[in-house]
Amino acid sequence: MMTRRRRYLRGGKPIPMPKGEVGRVTAKLVKRFPVCATGKVTPPPDYQELCTTTGPVGYRGRPIDVCLVPKAASSWLELDELVLSGDYSRRRGVIRLMVNQEQCAAPKRWATEMRSTLRHELTHAADPYGTHRKTRYAHPGEIVKKKTPRIKHAILPETACGYILDPVEVTARVAQVEEELLRSKTRHEIRRDVRHGVLRPGNLQKVLYESPTYVNVVPCLAKAPKIHRRFYQLAARLWAAGKLGPPPR
């Protein structure tokens, strides 16, 4: 008998979100974002000014609070990034997006970067199996309490693939890749390449490389072909639906 999880995630199909919800929440966050008058992002006196609430997108239709948290980059690799990371607390029903307080950019670029991470975290919120992790991974710099219901491992180079290939993380990254492939700019570039003969319709590998998230995780996916297949199935679904150009014949 097919389980509920296999039924709605079969074939690389992401957990559905209400149409336009990710864009609506992102637009509200960017609108409330502090102006970079001094060349750096500075949090307003009232922390709640950087928060908003989603519609009923969480598990069992719960609304989710989404907050921006200005933070300094922890390494030189993050200096040019706008959104450093994100996390979701199921107990509190809060998503936090850590944004680089050293960076200033146009609102449109902020919105593009936020949408990808927000879709990832909202997928965690909507995933009914999100609490079934056997292992909890701690982000670098996170304070780990001694008494925890699950063992925590730091996300280091030697444990990164274990974190990325965790079923809950794979589900969120499939949704994140879809969000990035369906950006207007990305779809325009793919259609242009197909029109000029640079990209053959149905070349899923090249299409997936248009997603920054896929590029980051593909070294780990090479170790797990069954999980890798879900990303190919996602790209195939988008092609077949005509969302990335004419469907392959």
C-alpha atoms as a PDB file:
ATOM      1  CA  MET A   1       0.000   0.000   0.000  1.00  0.00           C
ATOM      2  CA  MET A   2       1.386   3.380  -0.988  1.00  0.00           C
ATOM      3  CA  THR A   3       1.941   5.711   1.952  1.00  0.00           C
ATOM      4  CA  ARG A   4       0.602   9.246   1.944  1.00  0.00           C
ATOM      5  CA  ARG A   5       4.117  10.678   1.708  1.00  0.00           C
ATOM      6  CA  ARG A   6       4.966   8.629  -1.388  1.00  0.00           C
ATOM      7  CA  ARG A   7       1.641   9.473  -2.981  1.00  0.00           C
ATOM      8  CA  TYR A   8       1.980  13.261  -2.952  1.00  0.00           C
ATOM      9  CA  LEU A   9       5.756  13.411  -3.418  1.00  0.00           C
ATOM     10  CA  ARG A  10       6.036  10.734  -6.099  1.00  0.00           C
ATOM     11  CA  GLY A  11       7.821  11.779  -9.280  1.00  0.00           C
ATOM     12  CA  GLY A  12       9.557  14.860  -7.835  1.00  0.00           C
ATOM     13  CA  LYS A  13       6.314  16.748  -7.278  1.00  0.00           C
ATOM     14  CA  PRO A  14       6.798  19.427  -4.575  1.00  0.00           C
ATOM     15  CA  ILE A  15       4.378  20.002  -1.734  1.00  0.00           C
ATOM     16  CA  PRO A  16       1.845  22.458  -3.219  1.00  0.00           C
ATOM     17  CA  MET A  17       1.589  26.035  -1.972  1.00  0.00           C
ATOM     18  CA  PRO A  18      -1.328  28.441  -2.400  1.00  0.00           C
ATOM     19  CA  LYS A  19      -0.839  30.321  -5.652  1.00  0.00           C
ATOM     20  CA  GLY A  20       1.093  33.561  -5.157  1.00  0.00           C
ATOM     21  CA  GLU A  21       1.582  33.072  -1.414  1.00  0.00           C
ATOM     22  CA  VAL A  22       5.391  33.041  -1.500  1.00  0.00           C
ATOM     23  CA  GLY A  23       5.482  36.178  -3.660  1.00  0.00           C
ATOM     24  CA  ARG A  24       2.917  37.969  -1.487  1.00  0.00           C
ATOM     25  CA  VAL A  25       4.814  37.303   1.743  1.00  0.00           C
ATOM     26  CA  THR A  26       8.134  38.265   0.139  1.00  0.00           C
ATOM     27  CA  ALA A  27       6.692  41.547  -1.140  1.00  0.00           C
ATOM     28  CA  LYS A  28       5.462  42.438   2.363  1.00  0.00           C
ATOM     29  CA  LEU A  29       8.873  41.679   3.872  1.00  0.00           C
ATOM     30  CA  VAL A  30      10.750  43.729   1.287  1.00  0.00           C
ATOM     31  CA  LYS A  31       8.337  46.638   1.779  1.00  0.00           C
ATOM     32  CA  ARG A  32       9.080  46.687   5.512  1.00  0.00           C
ATOM     33  CA  PHE A  33      12.803  46.219   5.003  1.00  0.00           C
ATOM     34  CA  PRO A  34      14.972  49.010   6.499  1.00  0.00           C
ATOM     35  CA  VAL A  35      16.493  51.448   4.029  1.00  0.00           C
ATOM     36  CA  CYS A  36      20.254  51.116   3.512  1.00  0.00           C
ATOM     37  CA  ALA A  37      20.996  54.765   4.196  1.00  0.00           C
ATOM     38  CA  THR A  38      24.356  54.062   5.854  1.00  0.00           C
ATOM     39  CA  GLY A  39      25.451  51.336   3.466  1.00  0.00           C
ATOM     40  CA  LYS A  40      24.444  48.606   5.899  1.00  0.00           C
ATOM     41  CA  VAL A  41      21.148  46.988   6.839  1.00  0.00           C
ATOM     42  CA  THR A  42      20.238  48.068  10.370  1.00  0.00           C
ATOM     43  CA  PRO A  43      17.326  46.509  12.271  1.00  0.00           C
ATOM     44  CA  PRO A  44      14.602  48.944  13.370  1.00  0.00           C
ATOM     45  CA  PRO A  45      14.043  49.584  17.094  1.00  0.00           C
ATOM     46  CA  ASP A  46      10.975  47.350  17.063  1.00  0.00           C
ATOM     47  CA  TYR A  47      12.010  43.843  16.005  1.00  0.00           C
ATOM     48  CA  GLN A  48       8.421  43.010  15.017  1.00  0.00           C
ATOM     49  CA  GLU A  49       8.598  45.525  12.188  1.00  0.00           C
ATOM     50  CA  LEU A  50      10.553  42.914  10.250  1.00  0.00           C
ATOM     51  CA  CYS A  51       7.875  40.226  10.649  1.00  0.00           C
ATOM     52  CA  THR A  52       4.745  39.297   8.763  1.00  0.00           C
ATOM     53  CA  THR A  53       2.279  36.406   8.761  1.00  0.00           C
ATOM     54  CA  THR A  54       1.410  33.986   5.983  1.00  0.00           C
ATOM     55  CA  GLY A  55      -1.962  32.543   5.118  1.00  0.00           C
ATOM     56  CA  PRO A  56      -2.924  28.963   6.093  1.00  0.00           C
ATOM     57  CA  VAL A  57       0.112  27.340   4.462  1.00  0.00           C
ATOM     58  CA  GLY A  58       1.471  25.349   7.404  1.00  0.00           C
ATOM     59  CA  TYR A  59       0.627  21.784   8.340  1.00  0.00           C
ATOM     60  CA  ARG A  60      -3.124  21.502   9.053  1.00  0.00           C
ATOM     61  CA  GLY A  61      -3.687  25.003   7.709  1.00  0.00           C
ATOM     62  CA  ARG A  62      -1.735  26.910  10.314  1.00  0.00           C
ATOM     63  CA  PRO A  63      -0.500  30.450   9.545  1.00  0.00           C
ATOM     64  CA  ILE A  64       3.245  30.970   9.879  1.00  0.00           C
ATOM     65  CA  ASP A  65       5.118  34.030  11.166  1.00  0.00           C
ATOM     66  CA  VAL A  66       8.040  35.030   8.929  1.00  0.00           C
ATOM     67  CA  CYS A  67      10.768  37.321  10.306  1.00  0.00           C
ATOM     68  CA  LEU A  68      13.926  38.861   8.872  1.00  0.00           C
ATOM     69  CA  VAL A  69      16.960  38.803  11.147  1.00  0.00           C
ATOM     70  CA  PRO A  70      19.910  41.051  10.127  1.00  0.00           C
ATOM     71  CA  LYS A  71      23.134  39.146  10.756  1.00  0.00           C
ATOM     72  CA  ALA A  72      26.835  39.510   9.959  1.00  0.00           C
ATOM     73  CA  ALA A  73      28.406  37.058   7.516  1.00  0.00           C
ATOM     74  CA  SER A  74      30.239  34.264   9.350  1.00  0.00           C
ATOM     75  CA  SER A  75      32.856  33.715   6.621  1.00  0.00           C
ATOM     76  CA  TRP A  76      34.257  35.327   3.488  1.00  0.00           C
ATOM     77  CA  LEU A  77      32.155  32.922   1.400  1.00  0.00           C
ATOM     78  CA  GLU A  78      28.981  34.661   2.620  1.00  0.00           C
ATOM     79  CA  LEU A  79      30.114  38.258   2.104  1.00  0.00           C
ATOM     80  CA  ASP A  80      28.319  38.650  -1.241  1.00  0.00           C
ATOM     81  CA  GLU A  81      25.186  36.723  -0.274  1.00  0.00           C
ATOM     82  CA  LEU A  82      21.989  38.543   0.638  1.00  0.00           C
ATOM     83  CA  VAL A  83      20.135  35.762   2.441  1.00  0.00           C
ATOM     84  CA  LEU A  84      22.581  33.782   4.587  1.00  0.00           C
ATOM     85  CA  SER A  85      20.266  31.030   5.799  1.00  0.00           C
ATOM     86  CA  GLY A  86      16.816  30.247   7.112  1.00  0.00           C
ATOM     87  CA  ASP A  87      15.243  28.097   9.793  1.00  0.00           C
ATOM     88  CA  TYR A  88      11.782  27.000  10.852  1.00  0.00           C
ATOM     89  CA  SER A  89      10.558  26.283  14.366  1.00  0.00           C
ATOM     90  CA  ARG A  90       7.491  24.023  14.274  1.00  0.00           C
ATOM     91  CA  ARG A  91       6.887  24.496  17.996  1.00  0.00           C
ATOM     92  CA  ARG A  92       6.726  28.296  17.725  1.00  0.00           C
ATOM     93  CA  GLY A  93       5.392  28.418  14.160  1.00  0.00           C
ATOM     94  CA  VAL A  94       8.080  30.913  13.097  1.00  0.00           C
ATOM     95  CA  ILE A  95      10.346  31.098  10.047  1.00  0.00           C
ATOM     96  CA  ARG A  96      13.487  33.212  10.359  1.00  0.00           C
ATOM     97  CA  LEU A  97      15.424  34.431   7.346  1.00  0.00           C
ATOM     98  CA  MET A  98      18.934  35.550   8.252  1.00  0.00           C
ATOM     99  CA  VAL A  99      19.869  38.439   5.937  1.00  0.00           C
ATOM    100  CA  ASN A 100      23.333  39.887   5.429  1.00  0.00           C
ATOM    101  CA  GLN A 101      23.485  43.186   7.314  1.00  0.00           C
ATOM    102  CA  GLU A 102      26.598  44.199   5.358  1.00  0.00           C
ATOM    103  CA  GLN A 103      24.849  44.153   1.973  1.00  0.00           C
ATOM    104  CA  CYS A 104      22.665  46.679   0.222  1.00  0.00           C
ATOM    105  CA  ALA A 105      20.854  45.847  -3.003  1.00  0.00           C
ATOM    106  CA  ALA A 106      17.785  46.776  -5.028  1.00  0.00           C
ATOM    107  CA  PRO A 107      14.433  45.560  -3.612  1.00  0.00           C
ATOM    108  CA  LYS A 108      13.953  43.320  -6.666  1.00  0.00           C
ATOM    109  CA  ARG A 109      17.184  41.430  -5.935  1.00  0.00           C
ATOM    110  CA  TRP A 110      16.274  41.067  -2.270  1.00  0.00           C
ATOM    111  CA  ALA A 111      12.888  39.663  -3.282  1.00  0.00           C
ATOM    112  CA  THR A 112      14.476  37.139  -5.654  1.00  0.00           C
ATOM    113  CA  GLU A 113      16.860  35.849  -3.002  1.00  0.00           C
ATOM    114  CA  MET A 114      14.198  35.734  -0.285  1.00  0.00           C
ATOM    115  CA  ARG A 115      11.655  33.834  -2.392  1.00  0.00           C
ATOM    116  CA  SER A 116      13.953  30.845  -2.829  1.00  0.00           C
ATOM    117  CA  THR A 117      14.791  30.457   0.875  1.00  0.00           C
ATOM    118  CA  LEU A 118      11.224  31.222   1.934  1.00  0.00           C
ATOM    119  CA  ARG A 119       9.841  28.483  -0.342  1.00  0.00           C
ATOM    120  CA  HIS A 120      12.309  26.051   1.244  1.00  0.00           C
ATOM    121  CA  GLU A 121      11.229  26.914   4.796  1.00  0.00           C
ATOM    122  CA  LEU A 122       7.495  27.026   3.979  1.00  0.00           C
ATOM    123  CA  THR A 123       7.832  23.505   2.591  1.00  0.00           C
ATOM    124  CA  HIS A 124       9.213  22.430   5.975  1.00  0.00           C
ATOM    125  CA  ALA A 125       6.201  24.080   7.602  1.00  0.00           C
ATOM    126  CA  ALA A 126       3.745  22.268   5.317  1.00  0.00           C
ATOM    127  CA  ASP A 127       5.484  18.870   5.486  1.00  0.00           C
ATOM    128  CA  PRO A 128       3.543  16.595   7.875  1.00  0.00           C
ATOM    129  CA  TYR A 129       6.650  14.429   8.216  1.00  0.00           C
ATOM    130  CA  GLY A 130       8.937  17.312   9.168  1.00  0.00           C
ATOM    131  CA  THR A 131       9.170  16.206  12.795  1.00  0.00           C
ATOM    132  CA  HIS A 132      10.169  12.641  11.950  1.00  0.00           C
ATOM    133  CA  ARG A 133      13.881  13.297  11.585  1.00  0.00           C
ATOM    134  CA  LYS A 134      16.101  10.781  13.316  1.00  0.00           C
ATOM    135  CA  THR A 135      18.956  13.290  13.471  1.00  0.00           C
ATOM    136  CA  ARG A 136      18.882  17.015  14.156  1.00  0.00           C
ATOM    137  CA  TYR A 137      21.686  18.961  12.469  1.00  0.00           C
ATOM    138  CA  ALA A 138      23.003  22.116  14.119  1.00  0.00           C
ATOM    139  CA  HIS A 139      24.049  25.058  11.985  1.00  0.00           C
ATOM    140  CA  PRO A 140      27.529  26.558  12.509  1.00  0.00           C
ATOM    141  CA  GLY A 141      27.516  28.829  15.564  1.00  0.00           C
ATOM    142  CA  GLU A 142      24.246  27.419  16.895  1.00  0.00           C
ATOM    143  CA  ILE A 143      24.159  26.809  20.658  1.00  0.00           C
ATOM    144  CA  VAL A 144      23.426  23.140  21.289  1.00  0.00           C
ATOM    145  CA  LYS A 145      21.792  22.197  24.572  1.00  0.00           C
ATOM    146  CA  LYS A 146      22.980  19.040  26.285  1.00  0.00           C
ATOM    147  CA  LYS A 147      19.537  17.550  26.876  1.00  0.00           C
ATOM    148  CA  THR A 148      17.812  17.137  23.512  1.00  0.00           C
ATOM    149  CA  PRO A 149      15.374  14.490  22.260  1.00  0.00           C
ATOM    150  CA  ARG A 150      17.605  13.811  19.233  1.00  0.00           C
ATOM    151  CA  ILE A 151      21.344  13.804  18.709  1.00  0.00           C
ATOM    152  CA  LYS A 152      22.648  16.948  17.027  1.00  0.00           C
ATOM    153  CA  HIS A 153      25.456  17.020  14.482  1.00  0.00           C
ATOM    154  CA  ALA A 154      27.117  20.177  13.226  1.00  0.00           C
ATOM    155  CA  ILE A 155      26.825  20.864   9.488  1.00  0.00           C
ATOM    156  CA  LEU A 156      30.487  20.432   8.610  1.00  0.00           C
ATOM    157  CA  PRO A 157      32.051  19.355   5.287  1.00  0.00           C
ATOM    158  CA  GLU A 158      32.105  15.734   6.435  1.00  0.00           C
ATOM    159  CA  THR A 159      28.427  15.787   7.524  1.00  0.00           C
ATOM    160  CA  ALA A 160      27.010  18.144   4.886  1.00  0.00           C
ATOM    161  CA  CYS A 161      25.818  15.402   2.523  1.00  0.00           C
ATOM    162  CA  GLY A 162      24.071  13.587   5.369  1.00  0.00           C
ATOM    163  CA  TYR A 163      22.140  16.796   6.040  1.00  0.00           C
ATOM    164  CA  ILE A 164      21.384  17.519   2.363  1.00  0.00           C
ATOM    165  CA  LEU A 165      20.205  13.955   1.686  1.00  0.00           C
ATOM    166  CA  ASP A 166      17.924  13.866   4.716  1.00  0.00           C
ATOM    167  CA  PRO A 167      14.408  13.106   3.295  1.00  0.00           C
ATOM    168  CA  VAL A 168      12.922  16.235   4.872  1.00  0.00           C
ATOM    169  CA  GLU A 169      15.656  18.420   3.340  1.00  0.00           C
ATOM    170  CA  VAL A 170      15.306  16.767  -0.063  1.00  0.00           C
ATOM    171  CA  THR A 171      11.584  17.549  -0.063  1.00  0.00           C
ATOM    172  CA  ALA A 172      12.312  21.213   0.692  1.00  0.00           C
ATOM    173  CA  ARG A 173      15.078  21.469  -1.902  1.00  0.00           C
ATOM    174  CA  VAL A 174      12.899  20.020  -4.651  1.00  0.00           C
ATOM    175  CA  ALA A 175      10.423  22.832  -3.960  1.00  0.00           C
ATOM    176  CA  GLN A 176      13.266  25.365  -3.839  1.00  0.00           C
ATOM    177  CA  VAL A 177      14.623  24.229  -7.216  1.00  0.00           C
ATOM    178  CA  GLU A 178      11.140  24.544  -8.717  1.00  0.00           C
ATOM    179  CA  GLU A 179      10.872  28.104  -7.377  1.00  0.00           C
ATOM    180  CA  GLU A 180      14.204  29.036  -8.961  1.00  0.00           C
ATOM    181  CA  LEU A 181      13.466  27.406 -12.330  1.00  0.00           C
ATOM    182  CA  LEU A 182      10.118  29.182 -12.604  1.00  0.00           C
ATOM    183  CA  ARG A 183      11.584  32.654 -12.163  1.00  0.00           C
ATOM    184  CA  SER A 184      10.654  34.846 -15.123  1.00  0.00           C
ATOM    185  CA  LYS A 185      14.319  35.564 -15.939  1.00  0.00           C
ATOM    186  CA  THR A 186      15.294  31.886 -15.808  1.00  0.00           C
ATOM    187  CA  ARG A 187      12.391  30.788 -17.993  1.00  0.00           C
ATOM    188  CA  HIS A 188      13.222  33.524 -20.507  1.00  0.00           C
ATOM    189  CA  GLU A 189      16.864  32.369 -20.694  1.00  0.00           C
ATOM    190  CA  ILE A 190      15.873  28.715 -21.145  1.00  0.00           C
ATOM    191  CA  ARG A 191      13.398  29.546 -23.930  1.00  0.00           C
ATOM    192  CA  ARG A 192      16.008  31.744 -25.614  1.00  0.00           C
ATOM    193  CA  ASP A 193      18.592  28.951 -25.529  1.00  0.00           C
ATOM    194  CA  VAL A 194      16.089  26.492 -27.000  1.00  0.00           C
ATOM    195  CA  ARG A 195      15.147  28.949 -29.737  1.00  0.00           C
ATOM    196  CA  HIS A 196      18.799  29.514 -30.679  1.00  0.00           C
ATOM    197  CA  GLY A 197      19.645  25.799 -30.594  1.00  0.00           C
ATOM    198  CA  VAL A 198      21.953  26.102 -27.578  1.00  0.00           C
ATOM    199  CA  LEU A 199      19.694  23.911 -25.450  1.00  0.00           C
ATOM    200  CA  ARG A 200      17.885  20.850 -26.740  1.00  0.00           C
ATOM    201  CA  PRO A 201      14.285  20.614 -25.446  1.00  0.00           C
ATOM    202  CA  GLY A 202      14.204  18.047 -22.707  1.00  0.00           C
ATOM    203  CA  ASN A 203      17.888  18.353 -21.724  1.00  0.00           C
ATOM    204  CA  LEU A 204      17.112  18.109 -18.032  1.00  0.00           C
ATOM    205  CA  GLN A 205      20.698  18.304 -16.799  1.00  0.00           C
ATOM    206  CA  LYS A 206      21.320  21.729 -18.349  1.00  0.00           C
ATOM    207  CA  VAL A 207      17.946  22.977 -17.181  1.00  0.00           C
ATOM    208  CA  LEU A 208      18.633  21.969 -13.585  1.00  0.00           C
ATOM    209  CA  TYR A 209      21.966  23.796 -13.656  1.00  0.00           C
ATOM    210  CA  GLU A 210      19.979  27.037 -13.971  1.00  0.00           C
ATOM    211  CA  SER A 211      19.054  26.549 -10.297  1.00  0.00           C
ATOM    212  CA  PRO A 212      21.700  27.728  -7.769  1.00  0.00           C
ATOM    213  CA  THR A 213      20.292  25.307  -5.200  1.00  0.00           C
ATOM    214  CA  TYR A 214      20.770  22.345  -7.523  1.00  0.00           C
ATOM    215  CA  VAL A 215      24.332  23.420  -8.317  1.00  0.00           C
ATOM    216  CA  ASN A 216      25.133  23.473  -4.599  1.00  0.00           C
ATOM    217  CA  VAL A 217      23.736  20.010  -3.840  1.00  0.00           C
ATOM    218  CA  VAL A 218      24.599  18.080  -7.023  1.00  0.00           C
ATOM    219  CA  PRO A 219      27.917  16.723  -5.603  1.00  0.00           C
ATOM    220  CA  CYS A 220      25.926  14.998  -2.846  1.00  0.00           C
ATOM    221  CA  LEU A 221      23.194  13.856  -5.238  1.00  0.00           C
ATOM    222  CA  ALA A 222      25.821  11.948  -7.218  1.00  0.00           C
ATOM    223  CA  LYS A 223      26.038   9.605  -4.219  1.00  0.00           C
ATOM    224  CA  ALA A 224      22.281   8.974  -4.162  1.00  0.00           C
ATOM    225  CA  PRO A 225      20.901   8.259  -7.667  1.00  0.00           C
ATOM    226  CA  LYS A 226      17.364   7.539  -6.428  1.00  0.00           C
ATOM    227  CA  ILE A 227      17.174  10.960  -4.769  1.00  0.00           C
ATOM    228  CA  HIS A 228      18.848  12.584  -7.786  1.00  0.00           C
ATOM    229  CA  ARG A 229      16.096  11.134  -9.961  1.00  0.00           C
ATOM    230  CA  ARG A 230      13.501  13.229  -8.117  1.00  0.00           C
ATOM    231  CA  PHE A 231      15.142  16.412  -9.386  1.00  0.00           C
ATOM    232  CA  TYR A 232      15.155  15.064 -12.945  1.00  0.00           C
ATOM    233  CA  GLN A 233      11.485  14.156 -12.549  1.00  0.00           C
ATOM    234  CA  LEU A 234      10.748  17.692 -11.375  1.00  0.00           C
ATOM    235  CA  ALA A 235      12.422  19.194 -14.455  1.00  0.00           C
ATOM    236  CA  ALA A 236      10.599  16.703 -16.690  1.00  0.00           C
ATOM    237  CA  ARG A 237       7.250  17.700 -15.166  1.00  0.00           C
ATOM    238  CA  LEU A 238       7.947  21.386 -15.813  1.00  0.00           C
ATOM    239  CA  TRP A 239       8.952  20.627 -19.421  1.00  0.00           C
ATOM    240  CA  ALA A 240       5.863  18.477 -20.003  1.00  0.00           C
ATOM    241  CA  ALA A 241       3.636  21.243 -18.634  1.00  0.00           C
ATOM    242  CA  GLY A 242       5.191  23.756 -21.063  1.00  0.00           C
ATOM    243  CA  LYS A 243       6.447  25.986 -18.242  1.00  0.00           C
ATOM    244  CA  LEU A 244      10.021  26.015 -19.526  1.00  0.00           C
ATOM    245  CA  GLY A 245       9.238  26.254 -23.220  1.00  0.00           C
ATOM    246  CA  PRO A 246       7.710  23.935 -25.821  1.00  0.00           C
ATOM    247  CA  PRO A 247       7.339  20.397 -24.445  1.00  0.00           C
ATOM    248  CA  PRO A 248       9.916  17.969 -25.890  1.00  0.00           C
ATOM    249  CA  ARG A 249       8.596  15.810 -28.740  1.00  0.00           C
END
